[in-house]
Protein backbone atom coordinates (compact mmCIF):
# COMPACT_ATOMS: atom_id res chain seq x y z
CA MET A 1 6.91 21.52 -12.41
CA PRO A 2 9.13 18.46 -11.36
CA SER A 3 12.22 17.84 -12.79
CA ARG A 4 12.54 14.81 -15.51
CA TYR A 5 14.67 12.78 -15.14
CA ARG A 6 16.89 9.66 -17.90
CA ILE A 7 15.72 6.91 -16.93
CA GLN A 8 17.65 3.55 -18.11
CA PHE A 9 15.82 -0.24 -17.94
CA PRO A 10 18.84 -3.14 -18.11
CA PRO A 11 19.36 -5.38 -20.95
CA GLU A 12 16.40 -7.83 -21.49
CA GLN A 13 18.81 -10.73 -21.02
CA GLN A 14 19.20 -9.48 -17.29
CA HIS A 15 15.13 -8.51 -16.91
CA ASP A 16 14.35 -12.13 -15.37
CA LEU A 17 14.75 -10.58 -11.78
CA ALA A 18 12.11 -11.48 -9.51
CA GLN A 19 9.88 -8.47 -8.93
CA ASP A 20 11.65 -7.52 -5.82
CA GLU A 21 14.91 -7.43 -6.97
CA ALA A 22 13.61 -5.59 -10.00
CA TYR A 23 15.97 -2.09 -10.82
CA PHE A 24 16.76 0.59 -13.45
CA ASN A 25 19.46 2.86 -13.67
CA LEU A 26 19.29 7.13 -13.18
CA VAL A 27 21.51 8.40 -15.46
CA GLU A 28 22.33 12.07 -13.75
CA GLU A 29 25.94 14.03 -15.21
CA GLY A 30 26.52 11.03 -18.07
CA THR A 31 26.69 8.66 -14.50
CA ALA A 32 23.90 5.84 -14.46
CA ARG A 33 23.78 4.85 -10.88
CA LYS A 34 21.54 1.20 -10.57
CA ILE A 35 19.03 1.65 -8.05
CA LEU A 36 16.34 -1.26 -7.44
CA PHE A 37 12.29 -0.74 -7.40
CA HIS A 38 12.33 -0.99 -3.96
CA ASP A 39 14.47 1.73 -2.81
CA TYR A 40 12.09 3.79 -2.05
CA ASP A 41 14.51 6.09 -0.08
CA ARG A 42 16.12 6.90 -2.37
CA ILE A 43 13.63 7.45 -5.75
CA PHE A 44 11.92 9.69 -3.12
CA SER A 45 14.86 12.56 -2.85
CA LYS A 46 14.49 12.79 -6.16
CA PRO A 47 11.27 14.89 -6.47
CA GLY A 48 8.66 13.24 -9.26
CA LEU A 49 10.60 10.10 -9.88
CA TYR A 50 7.93 7.73 -7.99
CA GLU A 51 5.85 8.92 -10.29
CA GLN A 52 8.00 8.67 -13.43
CA LEU A 53 8.97 5.11 -13.21
CA PHE A 54 6.11 3.99 -11.68
CA TYR A 55 3.05 5.88 -13.36
CA GLU A 56 4.26 7.18 -16.51
CA ARG A 57 7.15 4.49 -17.94
CA LEU A 58 4.54 1.28 -16.57
CA LYS A 59 1.21 2.78 -16.37
CA CYS A 60 0.77 1.74 -12.36
CA THR A 61 -3.45 1.72 -11.62
CA SER A 62 -3.22 1.10 -8.32
CA PRO A 63 -3.75 3.68 -6.44
CA LYS A 64 -6.98 4.93 -8.63
CA LYS A 65 -8.16 1.28 -9.00
CA VAL A 66 -8.70 0.45 -5.08
CA SER A 67 -9.75 3.69 -4.29
CA GLU A 68 -13.21 3.78 -7.64
CA LEU A 69 -13.85 0.17 -5.67
CA LEU A 70 -13.52 2.01 -2.34
CA HIS A 71 -16.04 4.44 -3.16
CA ASP A 72 -18.29 1.77 -5.56
CA SER A 73 -18.54 -0.62 -2.30
CA LEU A 74 -19.60 2.59 0.21
CA THR A 75 -22.11 3.27 -1.94
CA SER A 76 -24.29 0.15 -1.94
CA GLU A 77 -23.96 0.96 1.89
CA TRP A 78 -24.97 4.72 1.57
CA ILE A 79 -21.37 5.00 3.01
CA SER A 80 -20.57 8.53 2.36
CA CYS A 81 -16.34 8.99 1.89
CA SER A 82 -16.31 12.61 3.68
CA GLU A 83 -17.76 10.33 6.42
CA LEU A 84 -14.53 8.70 6.57
CA ARG A 85 -11.64 8.74 8.83
CA VAL A 86 -8.74 6.51 7.03
CA LEU A 87 -5.23 5.31 7.93
CA ASP A 88 -3.41 4.75 5.48
CA LEU A 89 -0.14 2.00 5.72
CA GLY A 90 3.23 2.34 3.39
CA ALA A 91 1.84 5.89 2.65
CA GLY A 92 4.30 6.27 0.15
CA ASN A 93 4.50 10.47 -1.31
CA GLY A 94 1.07 10.21 -0.96
CA MET A 95 -0.68 9.23 -4.78
CA MET A 96 -2.61 6.75 -2.35
CA ALA A 97 -4.39 10.49 -0.04
CA GLU A 98 -4.93 11.61 -3.79
CA GLN A 99 -6.79 9.04 -4.42
CA LEU A 100 -8.94 9.26 -1.51
CA ARG A 101 -9.08 13.30 -1.35
CA ASN A 102 -11.23 13.42 -5.37
CA LEU A 103 -13.07 11.56 -3.65
CA GLY A 104 -14.00 13.33 -0.74
CA VAL A 105 -12.13 11.89 2.06
CA ALA A 106 -11.27 14.48 4.70
CA ARG A 107 -9.53 12.84 7.18
CA ILE A 108 -6.60 10.84 6.81
CA VAL A 109 -3.06 9.93 8.17
CA GLY A 110 -0.34 8.87 6.62
CA ALA A 111 1.93 5.85 8.19
CA ASP A 112 5.53 4.68 6.51
CA ILE A 113 8.61 3.20 8.01
CA LEU A 114 10.32 5.80 6.66
CA PRO A 115 11.26 9.24 7.04
CA GLU A 116 11.99 9.93 3.30
CA SER A 117 7.53 8.59 2.96
CA ARG A 118 6.52 11.27 5.19
CA ASP A 119 9.18 13.80 3.58
CA ALA A 120 8.57 12.68 0.39
CA ALA A 121 4.10 12.98 1.17
CA TYR A 122 4.69 16.75 2.03
CA ARG A 123 6.93 17.85 -0.02
CA ASP A 124 5.41 16.96 -3.46
CA ARG A 125 1.71 16.42 -1.97
CA PRO A 126 1.27 18.41 1.69
CA THR A 127 -2.31 18.18 1.95
CA ALA A 128 -2.61 15.53 1.30
CA TYR A 129 -2.55 14.07 4.65
CA ASP A 130 -3.78 15.06 8.26
CA ASP A 131 -0.62 14.18 10.26
CA TYR A 132 2.34 11.66 8.65
CA VAL A 133 3.15 8.90 11.48
CA VAL A 134 6.84 7.11 10.85
CA ALA A 135 7.09 4.35 12.53
CA ASP A 136 7.89 0.01 12.55
CA PHE A 137 4.10 -0.87 12.94
CA THR A 138 5.76 -4.29 15.20
CA LYS A 139 7.22 -2.49 17.83
CA LEU A 140 4.95 0.61 18.57
CA SER A 141 5.25 3.04 21.75
CA ASP A 142 2.66 2.59 24.18
CA ASP A 143 2.20 6.63 22.63
CA ARG A 144 2.79 6.08 19.51
CA ARG A 145 -0.62 3.21 19.89
CA GLU A 146 -2.75 5.80 21.56
CA GLU A 147 -2.31 8.90 19.22
CA LEU A 148 -2.99 6.19 16.63
CA SER A 149 -6.05 4.95 18.62
CA GLU A 150 -7.45 8.43 19.17
CA TRP A 151 -8.21 8.96 15.84
CA ARG A 152 -10.36 6.46 15.89
CA PHE A 153 -9.68 4.63 12.64
CA ASP A 154 -12.48 3.42 10.35
CA CYS A 155 -10.98 2.55 7.24
CA LEU A 156 -7.23 1.68 6.26
CA THR A 157 -5.53 1.35 3.18
CA SER A 158 -2.70 0.28 1.46
CA VAL A 159 -1.83 0.56 -2.44
CA ALA A 160 1.66 -0.86 -3.75
CA ALA A 161 3.30 -2.04 -0.38
CA LEU A 162 2.27 -5.32 1.31
CA GLY A 163 3.71 -8.59 0.36
CA PHE A 164 7.85 -9.15 -1.23
CA GLY A 165 9.08 -7.47 2.90
CA ASP A 166 7.43 -4.08 2.99
CA ILE A 167 4.97 -5.10 5.42
CA PRO A 168 5.40 -7.95 7.07
CA PRO A 169 1.40 -9.32 7.94
CA GLU A 170 2.62 -8.63 11.83
CA ALA A 171 2.64 -5.37 11.17
CA PHE A 172 -0.34 -5.18 9.46
CA PHE A 173 -2.45 -6.49 11.47
CA THR A 174 -1.51 -4.05 14.16
CA ALA A 175 -2.64 -1.93 11.26
CA MET A 176 -6.02 -3.32 11.13
CA LYS A 177 -6.72 -2.99 15.72
CA PHE A 178 -6.47 0.37 15.15
CA LEU A 179 -10.29 0.18 13.27
CA ARG A 180 -13.60 -0.08 14.92
CA THR A 181 -14.76 -3.42 14.15
CA ASP A 182 -17.01 -2.02 11.56
CA GLY A 183 -14.15 -0.12 9.67
CA TRP A 184 -13.39 -0.82 6.47
CA VAL A 185 -9.99 -2.32 4.29
CA ALA A 186 -8.59 -1.61 0.91
CA PHE A 187 -5.49 -2.96 -0.66
CA ASN A 188 -3.87 -4.27 -3.25
CA ILE A 189 -2.12 -7.77 -3.12
CA LYS A 190 0.45 -9.27 -6.13
CA GLU A 191 -1.93 -12.50 -7.87
CA THR A 192 0.05 -15.40 -6.29
CA PHE A 193 -0.47 -13.87 -2.68
CA LEU A 194 -3.69 -15.79 -3.10
CA ASP A 195 -2.14 -19.35 -4.98
CA HIS A 196 -2.89 -21.75 -2.60
CA SER A 197 0.75 -23.09 -3.52
CA ASP A 198 2.07 -19.93 -1.78
CA ASP A 199 3.18 -21.28 1.45
CA MET A 200 4.38 -17.47 2.65
CA GLY A 201 3.03 -15.76 5.83
CA PHE A 202 1.47 -13.16 4.19
CA SER A 203 0.02 -15.58 1.80
CA ARG A 204 -1.07 -17.44 4.34
CA PHE A 205 -2.28 -14.79 6.68
CA ILE A 206 -4.39 -12.70 4.02
CA ARG A 207 -5.78 -16.42 2.67
CA GLU A 208 -7.21 -17.07 6.58
CA LEU A 209 -8.91 -14.01 7.09
CA ILE A 210 -10.86 -13.16 3.19
CA PHE A 211 -12.63 -16.54 4.14
CA SER A 212 -12.60 -16.08 7.56
CA GLU A 213 -15.56 -14.59 10.42
CA TYR A 214 -14.06 -11.28 10.81
CA LEU A 215 -14.45 -9.91 6.76
CA ASP A 216 -17.03 -9.54 4.06
CA VAL A 217 -15.69 -8.94 1.26
CA TYR A 218 -17.07 -6.57 -1.00
CA GLN A 219 -14.97 -6.41 -3.95
CA LEU A 220 -12.15 -8.95 -5.31
CA GLU A 221 -10.73 -7.66 -8.39
CA ARG A 222 -8.31 -8.90 -11.01
CA TYR A 223 -6.91 -6.40 -13.13
CA THR A 224 -3.03 -5.18 -14.08
CA HIS A 225 -1.48 -2.82 -10.83
CA ARG A 226 1.69 -1.77 -13.56
CA LEU A 227 3.65 -3.13 -16.57
CA SER A 228 7.04 -5.04 -16.03
CA MET A 229 10.52 -3.23 -17.87
CA GLU A 230 8.76 -5.99 -20.85
CA GLY A 231 5.84 -4.05 -21.07
CA VAL A 232 4.57 -7.47 -19.68
CA PRO A 233 1.41 -6.68 -17.20
CA LEU A 234 0.98 -7.75 -14.02
CA LYS A 235 -2.23 -8.85 -12.88
CA TYR A 236 -3.22 -7.47 -8.72
CA PHE A 237 -6.26 -8.35 -6.57
CA ALA A 238 -7.65 -5.09 -5.22
CA LEU A 239 -9.81 -5.88 -2.17
CA VAL A 240 -12.74 -4.54 -0.24
CA GLY A 241 -13.67 -5.83 2.83
CA ARG A 242 -15.36 -4.76 5.89
CA LEU A 243 -14.61 -5.63 9.02
CA THR A 244 -18.07 -7.65 11.01
CA ALA A 245 -16.30 -8.33 14.73
CA SER A 246 -12.72 -7.96 15.80
CA ILE A 247 -10.26 -10.31 15.33
CA PRO A 248 -8.68 -12.16 18.18
CA LEU A 249 -4.72 -11.25 18.36
CA ASP A 250 -3.76 -14.41 18.71
CA PHE A 251 -5.07 -14.46 14.81
CA LEU A 252 -1.91 -14.82 13.52
CA THR A 253 -0.72 -17.18 15.63
CA SER A 254 -3.80 -19.51 15.20
CA ILE A 255 -2.47 -19.70 11.40
CA GLY A 256 0.81 -20.38 12.08
CA VAL A 257 1.95 -16.90 10.44
CA VAL A 258 4.08 -16.26 13.57
CA ASP A 259 5.39 -17.98 16.77
């Protein structure tokens, strides 16, 4: 049975924070310790804390939503989920993999930059992944590239991990290059990332990808990712698409995301 924790949100006057600045206090033995929502290494070190904070307290729905839309898209093409070979990028402690297993996916490899994420996944969901790679996808070694290529992935998932600097566009693009040319992508992003007023590199990359000749969009749905500390719904888009051709290696350069 996972431990239960005393989670304390800050006073209301401190709630006006950007999503990547939000924090909570973890109270243990009478001492409150400040932890950022994005301090995943510290959160994953406590069994059950991630689930208690994001899924029980803040009602996160994203793994279920993205996996359901992926299932619907595959069904429309008469493809069984059991046929997929999935690379789950920004895998964390395996919440998305758990949903994929429930759909019948047989082969899933997790990938995350934090060794604490891998350790938490093996601790909390030891059967979720066939393998779990700890690596920076902007700096993959030749051996790591060969190892990942051998899986012949035909699906890339990334949930609650894109934007905010957690996964830069170069890392997501690198992961996409491990897919077959008819492979599937399924991920979620904050709704503002599709707004043309957002000129950050990741936002531009996703917009250009959606409207490019290299991706057919099957699902694009706006939904409530989770609640904020104030109980306000945070709106995201869930997207499922299928590659139609190999994306050129200079794609990010051509759209001005990297030099």
